[in-house]
Every structure is written in structure tokens, then in C-alpha cells.
């Protein structure tokens, strides 16, 4: 091997490394997805409709995960479907506010 061969090897560009597939970018989980992944109960109120003339008439639109329903079942709420269980919980909670009953945490509402 001559001096020019050695010089040629020294100044040649190195071959680029083979391309490897990069790991897919992690997407941020929504609060519901994170709670579900962590096996934690989760719910949120999506919308509230209240009749201004009669506040007893109204509706809540909720979103929840299966762990929330399991928590309600553990605390004695029953129903044939998850929707029935959550709806019953919603009614109990709303009634406790309207009636001024004590709710969890010792708070009282609208006495």
C-alpha cells in the first residue's frame, strides 16, 4: 500500500451510518387516558344544562372511565349498564345539592 492510498483513505468521507427507524414520538395522553392507564377512577362534567325558572330541572353530561364505574359499584351503586350506574350517582349527587344534604367531606349545600 503506497503513501497515496493511505492519504486517500485519510481524506475520504466516512460512509454514513445506516438509517435506523426512530422510536415513535410519544403522544401526550389525555387526562382520561392517563387515569385509565393508571387504573384510577376518572370523570369530568362535559356540559351542564339548568332551567333558569326551575333549577331542579337540568342535566349533566358526564364522561368517565371504567374504573369510575367500578368505584361506584364498590360503594353500592347498582344498575344493569354503566350508564345506569353513573346516571344514578348523578341523581344522588344533584339531589344532595338541591336538598342541602351533607355530602362527602362534611360540606353542606343550599340549606
PDB file of N, CA and C in Angstrom:
ATOM      1  N   UNK A   1       0.860  -1.159   0.000  1.00  0.00           N
ATOM      2  CA  UNK A   1       0.000   0.000   0.000  1.00  0.00           C
ATOM      3  C   UNK A   1       0.904   1.218   0.000  1.00  0.00           C
ATOM      4  N   UNK A   2       0.671   2.093  -0.971  1.00  0.00           N
ATOM      5  CA  UNK A   2       1.515   3.270  -1.131  1.00  0.00           C
ATOM      6  C   UNK A   2       1.042   4.433  -0.294  1.00  0.00           C
ATOM      7  N   UNK A   3       1.816   5.462  -0.266  1.00  0.00           N
ATOM      8  CA  UNK A   3       1.515   6.656   0.505  1.00  0.00           C
ATOM      9  C   UNK A   3       0.247   7.332   0.006  1.00  0.00           C
ATOM     10  N   UNK A   4      -0.018   7.273  -1.309  1.00  0.00           N
ATOM     11  CA  UNK A   4      -1.225   7.901  -1.857  1.00  0.00           C
ATOM     12  C   UNK A   4      -2.483   7.125  -1.429  1.00  0.00           C
ATOM     13  N   UNK A   5      -2.363   5.808  -1.330  1.00  0.00           N
ATOM     14  CA  UNK A   5      -3.507   5.013  -0.851  1.00  0.00           C
ATOM     15  C   UNK A   5      -3.845   5.376   0.594  1.00  0.00           C
ATOM     16  N   UNK A   6      -2.813   5.488   1.416  1.00  0.00           N
ATOM     17  CA  UNK A   6      -3.033   5.838   2.817  1.00  0.00           C
ATOM     18  C   UNK A   6      -3.620   7.239   2.926  1.00  0.00           C
ATOM     19  N   UNK A   7      -3.143   8.166   2.132  1.00  0.00           N
ATOM     20  CA  UNK A   7      -3.635   9.536   2.131  1.00  0.00           C
ATOM     21  C   UNK A   7      -5.085   9.575   1.664  1.00  0.00           C
ATOM     22  N   UNK A   8      -5.416   8.772   0.633  1.00  0.00           N
ATOM     23  CA  UNK A   8      -6.784   8.719   0.111  1.00  0.00           C
ATOM     24  C   UNK A   8      -7.764   8.234   1.162  1.00  0.00           C
ATOM     25  N   UNK A   9      -7.364   7.213   1.931  1.00  0.00           N
ATOM     26  CA  UNK A   9      -8.236   6.704   2.991  1.00  0.00           C
ATOM     27  C   UNK A   9      -8.429   7.750   4.080  1.00  0.00           C
ATOM     28  N   UNK A  10      -7.425   8.521   4.354  1.00  0.00           N
ATOM     29  CA  UNK A  10      -7.492   9.508   5.429  1.00  0.00           C
ATOM     30  C   UNK A  10      -8.410  10.665   5.079  1.00  0.00           C
ATOM     31  N   UNK A  11      -8.521  11.028   3.787  1.00  0.00           N
ATOM     32  CA  UNK A  11      -9.323  12.207   3.436  1.00  0.00           C
ATOM     33  C   UNK A  11     -10.695  11.860   2.869  1.00  0.00           C
ATOM     34  N   UNK A  12     -10.981  10.576   2.659  1.00  0.00           N
ATOM     35  CA  UNK A  12     -12.322  10.200   2.170  1.00  0.00           C
ATOM     36  C   UNK A  12     -13.369  10.463   3.244  1.00  0.00           C
ATOM     37  N   UNK A  13     -14.559  10.796   2.784  1.00  0.00           N
ATOM     38  CA  UNK A  13     -15.678  10.989   3.702  1.00  0.00           C
ATOM     39  C   UNK A  13     -16.068   9.628   4.274  1.00  0.00           C
ATOM     40  N   UNK A  14     -16.338   9.580   5.531  1.00  0.00           N
ATOM     41  CA  UNK A  14     -16.795   8.312   6.096  1.00  0.00           C
ATOM     42  C   UNK A  14     -18.183   7.990   5.544  1.00  0.00           C
ATOM     43  N   UNK A  15     -18.452   6.722   5.414  1.00  0.00           N
ATOM     44  CA  UNK A  15     -19.769   6.303   4.944  1.00  0.00           C
ATOM     45  C   UNK A  15     -20.792   6.657   6.010  1.00  0.00           C
ATOM     46  N   UNK A  16     -21.944   7.159   5.562  1.00  0.00           N
ATOM     47  CA  UNK A  16     -22.970   7.490   6.558  1.00  0.00           C
ATOM     48  C   UNK A  16     -23.454   6.217   7.248  1.00  0.00           C
ATOM     49  N   UNK A  17     -23.806   6.383   8.518  1.00  0.00           N
ATOM     50  CA  UNK A  17     -24.329   5.250   9.281  1.00  0.00           C
ATOM     51  C   UNK A  17     -25.666   4.848   8.678  1.00  0.00           C
ATOM     52  N   UNK A  18     -25.957   3.573   8.680  1.00  0.00           N
ATOM     53  CA  UNK A  18     -27.246   3.149   8.135  1.00  0.00           C
ATOM     54  C   UNK A  18     -28.388   3.781   8.932  1.00  0.00           C
ATOM     55  N   UNK A  19     -29.442   4.142   8.223  1.00  0.00           N
ATOM     56  CA  UNK A  19     -30.593   4.768   8.876  1.00  0.00           C
ATOM     57  C   UNK A  19     -31.335   3.719   9.686  1.00  0.00           C
ATOM     58  N   UNK A  20     -31.636   4.091  10.884  1.00  0.00           N
ATOM     59  CA  UNK A  20     -32.440   3.220  11.740  1.00  0.00           C
ATOM     60  C   UNK A  20     -33.754   3.925  11.989  1.00  0.00           C
ATOM     61  N   UNK A  21     -34.780   3.136  12.145  1.00  0.00           N
ATOM     62  CA  UNK A  21     -36.085   3.735  12.419  1.00  0.00           C
ATOM     63  C   UNK A  21     -36.060   4.292  13.830  1.00  0.00           C
ATOM     64  N   UNK A  22     -36.461   5.548  13.937  1.00  0.00           N
ATOM     65  CA  UNK A  22     -36.500   6.153  15.258  1.00  0.00           C
ATOM     66  C   UNK A  22     -37.763   5.689  15.981  1.00  0.00           C
ATOM     67  N   UNK A  23     -37.688   5.713  17.277  1.00  0.00           N
ATOM     68  CA  UNK A  23     -38.852   5.322  18.074  1.00  0.00           C
ATOM     69  C   UNK A  23     -39.979   6.305  17.787  1.00  0.00           C
ATOM     70  N   UNK A  24     -41.201   5.812  17.757  1.00  0.00           N
ATOM     71  CA  UNK A  24     -42.317   6.733  17.508  1.00  0.00           C
ATOM     72  C   UNK A  24     -42.395   7.774  18.615  1.00  0.00           C
ATOM     73  N   UNK A  25     -42.781   8.972  18.226  1.00  0.00           N
ATOM     74  CA  UNK A  25     -42.892  10.049  19.196  1.00  0.00           C
ATOM     75  C   UNK A  25     -44.008   9.714  20.182  1.00  0.00           C
ATOM     76  N   UNK A  26     -43.724   9.996  21.427  1.00  0.00           N
ATOM     77  CA  UNK A  26     -44.728   9.755  22.452  1.00  0.00           C
ATOM     78  C   UNK A  26     -45.764  10.866  22.381  1.00  0.00           C
ATOM     79  N   UNK A  27     -47.019  10.472  22.329  1.00  0.00           N
ATOM     80  CA  UNK A  27     -48.079  11.463  22.334  1.00  0.00           C
ATOM     81  C   UNK A  27     -48.550  11.634  23.767  1.00  0.00           C
ATOM     82  N   UNK A  28     -48.886  12.840  24.111  1.00  0.00           N
ATOM     83  CA  UNK A  28     -49.355  13.123  25.458  1.00  0.00           C
ATOM     84  C   UNK A  28     -50.758  12.545  25.617  1.00  0.00           C
ATOM     85  N   UNK A  29     -50.957  11.818  26.704  1.00  0.00           N
ATOM     86  CA  UNK A  29     -52.258  11.223  26.964  1.00  0.00           C
ATOM     87  C   UNK A  29     -53.212  12.264  27.532  1.00  0.00           C
ATOM     88  N   UNK A  30     -54.475  12.126  27.196  1.00  0.00           N
ATOM     89  CA  UNK A  30     -55.491  12.986  27.793  1.00  0.00           C
ATOM     90  C   UNK A  30     -55.628  12.591  29.266  1.00  0.00           C
ATOM     91  N   UNK A  31     -56.228  13.440  30.092  1.00  0.00           N
ATOM     92  CA  UNK A  31     -56.419  13.061  31.500  1.00  0.00           C
ATOM     93  C   UNK A  31     -57.179  11.738  31.646  1.00  0.00           C
ATOM     94  N   UNK A  32     -58.190  11.518  30.809  1.00  0.00           N
ATOM     95  CA  UNK A  32     -58.947  10.268  30.865  1.00  0.00           C
ATOM     96  C   UNK A  32     -58.055   9.091  30.500  1.00  0.00           C
ATOM     97  N   UNK A  33     -57.286   9.217  29.443  1.00  0.00           N
ATOM     98  CA  UNK A  33     -56.398   8.134  29.010  1.00  0.00           C
ATOM     99  C   UNK A  33     -55.343   7.838  30.070  1.00  0.00           C
ATOM    100  N   UNK A  34     -54.808   8.889  30.697  1.00  0.00           N
ATOM    101  CA  UNK A  34     -53.785   8.695  31.730  1.00  0.00           C
ATOM    102  C   UNK A  34     -54.377   7.982  32.941  1.00  0.00           C
ATOM    103  N   UNK A  35     -55.560   8.410  33.376  1.00  0.00           N
ATOM    104  CA  UNK A  35     -56.204   7.772  34.522  1.00  0.00           C
ATOM    105  C   UNK A  35     -56.528   6.317  34.212  1.00  0.00           C
ATOM    106  N   UNK A  36     -57.006   6.052  33.004  1.00  0.00           N
ATOM    107  CA  UNK A  36     -57.317   4.681  32.615  1.00  0.00           C
ATOM    108  C   UNK A  36     -56.048   3.842  32.610  1.00  0.00           C
ATOM    109  N   UNK A  37     -54.986   4.390  32.068  1.00  0.00           N
ATOM    110  CA  UNK A  37     -53.705   3.679  32.052  1.00  0.00           C
ATOM    111  C   UNK A  37     -53.241   3.379  33.474  1.00  0.00           C
ATOM    112  N   UNK A  38     -53.442   4.332  34.387  1.00  0.00           N
ATOM    113  CA  UNK A  38     -53.037   4.179  35.782  1.00  0.00           C
ATOM    114  C   UNK A  38     -54.063   3.402  36.611  1.00  0.00           C
ATOM    115  N   UNK A  39     -55.148   2.963  35.967  1.00  0.00           N
ATOM    116  CA  UNK A  39     -56.233   2.225  36.616  1.00  0.00           C
ATOM    117  C   UNK A  39     -56.854   3.022  37.761  1.00  0.00           C
ATOM    118  N   UNK A  40     -57.035   4.321  37.528  1.00  0.00           N
ATOM    119  CA  UNK A  40     -57.631   5.226  38.501  1.00  0.00           C
ATOM    120  C   UNK A  40     -59.025   5.647  38.024  1.00  0.00           C
ATOM    121  N   UNK A  41     -59.974   5.826  38.971  1.00  0.00           N
ATOM    122  CA  UNK A  41     -61.294   6.342  38.576  1.00  0.00           C
ATOM    123  C   UNK A  41     -61.156   7.771  38.053  1.00  0.00           C
ATOM    124  N   UNK A  42     -61.914   8.087  37.013  1.00  0.00           N
ATOM    125  CA  UNK A  42     -61.859   9.416  36.414  1.00  0.00           C
ATOM    126  C   UNK A  42     -63.223   9.759  35.847  1.00  0.00           C
ATOM    127  N   UNK A  43     -63.636  11.011  36.041  1.00  0.00           N
ATOM    128  CA  UNK A  43     -64.813  11.530  35.355  1.00  0.00           C
ATOM    129  C   UNK A  43     -64.669  13.027  35.210  1.00  0.00           C
ATOM    130  N   UNK A  44     -65.447  13.577  34.297  1.00  0.00           N
ATOM    131  CA  UNK A  44     -65.497  15.019  34.142  1.00  0.00           C
ATOM    132  C   UNK A  44     -66.908  15.413  33.727  1.00  0.00           C
ATOM    133  N   UNK A  45     -67.263  16.628  34.054  1.00  0.00           N
ATOM    134  CA  UNK A  45     -68.553  17.168  33.614  1.00  0.00           C
ATOM    135  C   UNK A  45     -68.310  17.843  32.278  1.00  0.00           C
ATOM    136  N   UNK A  46     -68.964  17.334  31.248  1.00  0.00           N
ATOM    137  CA  UNK A  46     -68.790  17.857  29.895  1.00  0.00           C
ATOM    138  C   UNK A  46     -69.683  19.070  29.683  1.00  0.00           C
ATOM    139  N   UNK A  47     -70.914  18.995  30.200  1.00  0.00           N
ATOM    140  CA  UNK A  47     -71.872  20.077  29.977  1.00  0.00           C
ATOM    141  C   UNK A  47     -72.891  20.070  31.105  1.00  0.00           C
ATOM    142  N   UNK A  48     -73.427  21.242  31.413  1.00  0.00           N
ATOM    143  CA  UNK A  48     -74.480  21.379  32.413  1.00  0.00           C
ATOM    144  C   UNK A  48     -75.585  22.219  31.811  1.00  0.00           C
ATOM    145  N   UNK A  49     -76.799  21.719  31.910  1.00  0.00           N
ATOM    146  CA  UNK A  49     -77.964  22.480  31.461  1.00  0.00           C
ATOM    147  C   UNK A  49     -78.877  22.673  32.661  1.00  0.00           C
ATOM    148  N   UNK A  50     -79.213  23.927  32.967  1.00  0.00           N
ATOM    149  CA  UNK A  50     -80.073  24.226  34.106  1.00  0.00           C
ATOM    150  C   UNK A  50     -81.196  25.137  33.642  1.00  0.00           C
ATOM    151  N   UNK A  51     -82.404  24.782  34.024  1.00  0.00           N
ATOM    152  CA  UNK A  51     -83.577  25.596  33.729  1.00  0.00           C
ATOM    153  C   UNK A  51     -83.555  26.787  34.692  1.00  0.00           C
ATOM    154  N   UNK A  52     -83.419  28.000  34.154  1.00  0.00           N
ATOM    155  CA  UNK A  52     -83.324  29.190  34.999  1.00  0.00           C
ATOM    156  C   UNK A  52     -84.586  29.416  35.814  1.00  0.00           C
ATOM    157  N   UNK A  53     -85.744  28.996  35.299  1.00  0.00           N
ATOM    158  CA  UNK A  53     -87.003  29.175  36.010  1.00  0.00           C
ATOM    159  C   UNK A  53     -87.203  28.115  37.089  1.00  0.00           C
ATOM    160  N   UNK A  54     -86.615  26.941  36.888  1.00  0.00           N
ATOM    161  CA  UNK A  54     -86.737  25.865  37.866  1.00  0.00           C
ATOM    162  C   UNK A  54     -85.425  25.087  37.897  1.00  0.00           C
ATOM    163  N   UNK A  55     -84.526  25.476  38.792  1.00  0.00           N
ATOM    164  CA  UNK A  55     -83.202  24.849  38.814  1.00  0.00           C
ATOM    165  C   UNK A  55     -83.227  23.349  39.096  1.00  0.00           C
ATOM    166  N   UNK A  56     -84.356  22.825  39.572  1.00  0.00           N
ATOM    167  CA  UNK A  56     -84.447  21.370  39.774  1.00  0.00           C
ATOM    168  C   UNK A  56     -84.472  20.632  38.440  1.00  0.00           C
ATOM    169  N   UNK A  57     -84.826  21.343  37.397  1.00  0.00           N
ATOM    170  CA  UNK A  57     -84.827  20.726  36.069  1.00  0.00           C
ATOM    171  C   UNK A  57     -83.510  21.057  35.390  1.00  0.00           C
ATOM    172  N   UNK A  58     -82.754  20.067  35.125  1.00  0.00           N
ATOM    173  CA  UNK A  58     -81.473  20.283  34.482  1.00  0.00           C
ATOM    174  C   UNK A  58     -80.817  18.952  34.186  1.00  0.00           C
ATOM    175  N   UNK A  59     -79.675  19.030  33.584  1.00  0.00           N
ATOM    176  CA  UNK A  59     -78.973  17.802  33.230  1.00  0.00           C
ATOM    177  C   UNK A  59     -77.477  18.043  33.225  1.00  0.00           C
ATOM    178  N   UNK A  60     -76.755  16.994  33.559  1.00  0.00           N
ATOM    179  CA  UNK A  60     -75.298  16.979  33.464  1.00  0.00           C
ATOM    180  C   UNK A  60     -74.926  15.997  32.380  1.00  0.00           C
ATOM    181  N   UNK A  61     -73.965  16.357  31.568  1.00  0.00           N
ATOM    182  CA  UNK A  61     -73.386  15.391  30.632  1.00  0.00           C
ATOM    183  C   UNK A  61     -72.005  15.046  31.168  1.00  0.00           C
ATOM    184  N   UNK A  62     -71.801  13.772  31.450  1.00  0.00           N
ATOM    185  CA  UNK A  62     -70.551  13.320  32.039  1.00  0.00           C
ATOM    186  C   UNK A  62     -69.779  12.438  31.073  1.00  0.00           C
ATOM    187  N   UNK A  63     -68.491  12.399  31.276  1.00  0.00           N
ATOM    188  CA  UNK A  63     -67.623  11.434  30.606  1.00  0.00           C
ATOM    189  C   UNK A  63     -66.859  10.744  31.723  1.00  0.00           C
ATOM    190  N   UNK A  64     -66.622   9.435  31.594  1.00  0.00           N
ATOM    191  CA  UNK A  64     -65.975   8.678  32.651  1.00  0.00           C
ATOM    192  C   UNK A  64     -65.218   7.499  32.073  1.00  0.00           C
ATOM    193  N   UNK A  65     -64.400   6.872  32.932  1.00  0.00           N
ATOM    194  CA  UNK A  65     -63.730   5.645  32.516  1.00  0.00           C
ATOM    195  C   UNK A  65     -64.309   4.469  33.306  1.00  0.00           C
ATOM    196  N   UNK A  66     -63.922   3.267  32.926  1.00  0.00           N
ATOM    197  CA  UNK A  66     -64.493   2.074  33.564  1.00  0.00           C
ATOM    198  C   UNK A  66     -64.103   1.963  35.035  1.00  0.00           C
ATOM    199  N   UNK A  67     -62.986   2.543  35.431  1.00  0.00           N
ATOM    200  CA  UNK A  67     -62.564   2.490  36.829  1.00  0.00           C
ATOM    201  C   UNK A  67     -63.472   3.349  37.706  1.00  0.00           C
ATOM    202  N   UNK A  68     -64.033   4.407  37.152  1.00  0.00           N
ATOM    203  CA  UNK A  68     -65.001   5.224  37.878  1.00  0.00           C
ATOM    204  C   UNK A  68     -66.256   4.404  38.169  1.00  0.00           C
ATOM    205  N   UNK A  69     -66.725   3.668  37.172  1.00  0.00           N
ATOM    206  CA  UNK A  69     -67.922   2.837  37.351  1.00  0.00           C
ATOM    207  C   UNK A  69     -67.649   1.761  38.398  1.00  0.00           C
ATOM    208  N   UNK A  70     -66.487   1.151  38.346  1.00  0.00           N
ATOM    209  CA  UNK A  70     -66.132   0.121  39.334  1.00  0.00           C
ATOM    210  C   UNK A  70     -66.105   0.716  40.742  1.00  0.00           C
ATOM    211  N   UNK A  71     -65.622   1.941  40.899  1.00  0.00           N
ATOM    212  CA  UNK A  71     -65.612   2.602  42.198  1.00  0.00           C
ATOM    213  C   UNK A  71     -67.043   2.787  42.703  1.00  0.00           C
ATOM    214  N   UNK A  72     -67.942   3.215  41.795  1.00  0.00           N
ATOM    215  CA  UNK A  72     -69.341   3.393  42.195  1.00  0.00           C
ATOM    216  C   UNK A  72     -69.951   2.061  42.621  1.00  0.00           C
ATOM    217  N   UNK A  73     -69.660   1.006  41.881  1.00  0.00           N
ATOM    218  CA  UNK A  73     -70.170  -0.330  42.245  1.00  0.00           C
ATOM    219  C   UNK A  73     -69.643  -0.744  43.620  1.00  0.00           C
ATOM    220  N   UNK A  74     -68.374  -0.478  43.868  1.00  0.00           N
ATOM    221  CA  UNK A  74     -67.759  -0.826  45.151  1.00  0.00           C
ATOM    222  C   UNK A  74     -68.477  -0.116  46.300  1.00  0.00           C
ATOM    223  N   UNK A  75     -69.009   1.066  46.028  1.00  0.00           N
ATOM    224  CA  UNK A  75     -69.709   1.835  47.058  1.00  0.00           C
ATOM    225  C   UNK A  75     -71.223   1.609  47.038  1.00  0.00           C
ATOM    226  N   UNK A  76     -71.658   0.529  46.379  1.00  0.00           N
ATOM    227  CA  UNK A  76     -73.048   0.112  46.484  1.00  0.00           C
ATOM    228  C   UNK A  76     -73.989   0.581  45.401  1.00  0.00           C
ATOM    229  N   UNK A  77     -73.542   1.329  44.422  1.00  0.00           N
ATOM    230  CA  UNK A  77     -74.447   1.737  43.355  1.00  0.00           C
ATOM    231  C   UNK A  77     -74.630   0.577  42.387  1.00  0.00           C
ATOM    232  N   UNK A  78     -75.844   0.401  41.924  1.00  0.00           N
ATOM    233  CA  UNK A  78     -76.130  -0.713  41.029  1.00  0.00           C
ATOM    234  C   UNK A  78     -76.870  -0.233  39.802  1.00  0.00           C
ATOM    235  N   UNK A  79     -76.847  -1.048  38.803  1.00  0.00           N
ATOM    236  CA  UNK A  79     -77.555  -0.788  37.560  1.00  0.00           C
ATOM    237  C   UNK A  79     -77.223  -1.881  36.578  1.00  0.00           C
ATOM    238  N   UNK A  80     -78.024  -1.972  35.523  1.00  0.00           N
ATOM    239  CA  UNK A  80     -77.784  -3.003  34.525  1.00  0.00           C
ATOM    240  C   UNK A  80     -76.681  -2.606  33.543  1.00  0.00           C
ATOM    241  N   UNK A  81     -76.471  -1.314  33.392  1.00  0.00           N
ATOM    242  CA  UNK A  81     -75.424  -0.841  32.482  1.00  0.00           C
ATOM    243  C   UNK A  81     -74.565   0.194  33.205  1.00  0.00           C
ATOM    244  N   UNK A  82     -73.403   0.467  32.655  1.00  0.00           N
ATOM    245  CA  UNK A  82     -72.546   1.516  33.222  1.00  0.00           C
ATOM    246  C   UNK A  82     -73.265   2.856  33.227  1.00  0.00           C
ATOM    247  N   UNK A  83     -74.026   3.119  32.171  1.00  0.00           N
ATOM    248  CA  UNK A  83     -74.749   4.395  32.072  1.00  0.00           C
ATOM    249  C   UNK A  83     -75.768   4.529  33.200  1.00  0.00           C
ATOM    250  N   UNK A  84     -76.477   3.441  33.528  1.00  0.00           N
ATOM    251  CA  UNK A  84     -77.454   3.488  34.618  1.00  0.00           C
ATOM    252  C   UNK A  84     -76.775   3.770  35.951  1.00  0.00           C
ATOM    253  N   UNK A  85     -75.640   3.154  36.172  1.00  0.00           N
ATOM    254  CA  UNK A  85     -74.912   3.361  37.426  1.00  0.00           C
ATOM    255  C   UNK A  85     -74.468   4.812  37.545  1.00  0.00           C
ATOM    256  N   UNK A  86     -73.882   5.353  36.493  1.00  0.00           N
ATOM    257  CA  UNK A  86     -73.408   6.744  36.528  1.00  0.00           C
ATOM    258  C   UNK A  86     -74.588   7.701  36.625  1.00  0.00           C
ATOM    259  N   UNK A  87     -75.668   7.411  35.926  1.00  0.00           N
ATOM    260  CA  UNK A  87     -76.851   8.267  35.978  1.00  0.00           C
ATOM    261  C   UNK A  87     -77.428   8.307  37.387  1.00  0.00           C
ATOM    262  N   UNK A  88     -77.473   7.141  38.050  1.00  0.00           N
ATOM    263  CA  UNK A  88     -77.984   7.104  39.420  1.00  0.00           C
ATOM    264  C   UNK A  88     -77.085   7.920  40.343  1.00  0.00           C
ATOM    265  N   UNK A  89     -75.778   7.797  40.203  1.00  0.00           N
ATOM    266  CA  UNK A  89     -74.833   8.569  41.007  1.00  0.00           C
ATOM    267  C   UNK A  89     -75.054  10.061  40.779  1.00  0.00           C
ATOM    268  N   UNK A  90     -75.259  10.427  39.533  1.00  0.00           N
ATOM    269  CA  UNK A  90     -75.502  11.828  39.169  1.00  0.00           C
ATOM    270  C   UNK A  90     -76.768  12.340  39.858  1.00  0.00           C
ATOM    271  N   UNK A  91     -77.818  11.520  39.869  1.00  0.00           N
ATOM    272  CA  UNK A  91     -79.077  11.918  40.511  1.00  0.00           C
ATOM    273  C   UNK A  91     -78.896  12.089  42.016  1.00  0.00           C
ATOM    274  N   UNK A  92     -78.184  11.149  42.640  1.00  0.00           N
ATOM    275  CA  UNK A  92     -77.954  11.221  44.087  1.00  0.00           C
ATOM    276  C   UNK A  92     -77.165  12.482  44.427  1.00  0.00           C
ATOM    277  N   UNK A  93     -76.121  12.759  43.658  1.00  0.00           N
ATOM    278  CA  UNK A  93     -75.298  13.942  43.904  1.00  0.00           C
ATOM    279  C   UNK A  93     -76.116  15.222  43.707  1.00  0.00           C
ATOM    280  N   UNK A  94     -76.851  15.304  42.613  1.00  0.00           N
ATOM    281  CA  UNK A  94     -77.639  16.505  42.331  1.00  0.00           C
ATOM    282  C   UNK A  94     -78.702  16.714  43.406  1.00  0.00           C
ATOM    283  N   UNK A  95     -79.337  15.644  43.825  1.00  0.00           N
ATOM    284  CA  UNK A  95     -80.367  15.757  44.858  1.00  0.00           C
ATOM    285  C   UNK A  95     -79.765  16.212  46.179  1.00  0.00           C
ATOM    286  N   UNK A  96     -78.564  15.754  46.500  1.00  0.00           N
ATOM    287  CA  UNK A  96     -77.926  16.165  47.753  1.00  0.00           C
ATOM    288  C   UNK A  96     -77.630  17.661  47.744  1.00  0.00           C
ATOM    289  N   UNK A  97     -77.328  18.200  46.591  1.00  0.00           N
ATOM    290  CA  UNK A  97     -77.072  19.641  46.492  1.00  0.00           C
ATOM    291  C   UNK A  97     -78.372  20.424  46.632  1.00  0.00           C
ATOM    292  N   UNK A  98     -79.404  20.007  45.898  1.00  0.00           N
ATOM    293  CA  UNK A  98     -80.678  20.729  45.924  1.00  0.00           C
ATOM    294  C   UNK A  98     -81.324  20.648  47.299  1.00  0.00           C
ATOM    295  N   UNK A  99     -81.259  19.488  47.934  1.00  0.00           N
ATOM    296  CA  UNK A  99     -81.893  19.282  49.235  1.00  0.00           C
ATOM    297  C   UNK A  99     -81.071  19.861  50.383  1.00  0.00           C
ATOM    298  N   UNK A 100     -79.820  20.174  50.131  1.00  0.00           N
ATOM    299  CA  UNK A 100     -78.979  20.686  51.195  1.00  0.00           C
ATOM    300  C   UNK A 100     -78.457  19.588  52.093  1.00  0.00           C
ATOM    301  N   UNK A 101     -78.397  18.385  51.594  1.00  0.00           N
ATOM    302  CA  UNK A 101     -77.883  17.279  52.398  1.00  0.00           C
ATOM    303  C   UNK A 101     -76.371  17.371  52.486  1.00  0.00           C
ATOM    304  N   UNK A 102     -75.862  16.761  53.557  1.00  0.00           N
ATOM    305  CA  UNK A 102     -74.421  16.719  53.722  1.00  0.00           C
ATOM    306  C   UNK A 102     -73.835  15.807  52.657  1.00  0.00           C
ATOM    307  N   UNK A 103     -72.775  16.269  52.020  1.00  0.00           N
ATOM    308  CA  UNK A 103     -72.098  15.451  51.022  1.00  0.00           C
ATOM    309  C   UNK A 103     -70.702  15.154  51.532  1.00  0.00           C
ATOM    310  N   UNK A 104     -70.017  14.235  50.870  1.00  0.00           N
ATOM    311  CA  UNK A 104     -68.704  13.789  51.317  1.00  0.00           C
ATOM    312  C   UNK A 104     -67.796  14.974  51.616  1.00  0.00           C
ATOM    313  N   UNK A 105     -67.079  14.856  52.695  1.00  0.00           N
ATOM    314  CA  UNK A 105     -66.179  15.939  53.106  1.00  0.00           C
ATOM    315  C   UNK A 105     -66.816  16.843  54.147  1.00  0.00           C
ATOM    316  N   UNK A 106     -68.077  16.530  54.535  1.00  0.00           N
ATOM    317  CA  UNK A 106     -68.737  17.292  55.576  1.00  0.00           C
ATOM    318  C   UNK A 106     -69.298  18.624  55.125  1.00  0.00           C
ATOM    319  N   UNK A 107     -69.298  18.897  53.840  1.00  0.00           N
ATOM    320  CA  UNK A 107     -69.832  20.169  53.354  1.00  0.00           C
ATOM    321  C   UNK A 107     -71.359  20.087  53.273  1.00  0.00           C
ATOM    322  N   UNK A 108     -71.993  21.209  53.414  1.00  0.00           N
ATOM    323  CA  UNK A 108     -73.441  21.289  53.232  1.00  0.00           C
ATOM    324  C   UNK A 108     -73.702  22.331  52.152  1.00  0.00           C
ATOM    325  N   UNK A 109     -74.710  22.071  51.359  1.00  0.00           N
ATOM    326  CA  UNK A 109     -75.038  22.964  50.269  1.00  0.00           C
ATOM    327  C   UNK A 109     -76.502  23.402  50.378  1.00  0.00           C
ATOM    328  N   UNK A 110     -76.771  24.676  50.101  1.00  0.00           N
ATOM    329  CA  UNK A 110     -78.127  25.222  49.961  1.00  0.00           C
ATOM    330  C   UNK A 110     -79.063  24.849  51.088  1.00  0.00           C
ATOM    331  N   UNK A 111     -78.730  25.200  52.258  1.00  0.00           N
ATOM    332  CA  UNK A 111     -79.567  24.891  53.407  1.00  0.00           C
ATOM    333  C   UNK A 111     -80.673  25.894  53.508  1.00  0.00           C
TER     334      UNK A 111
END
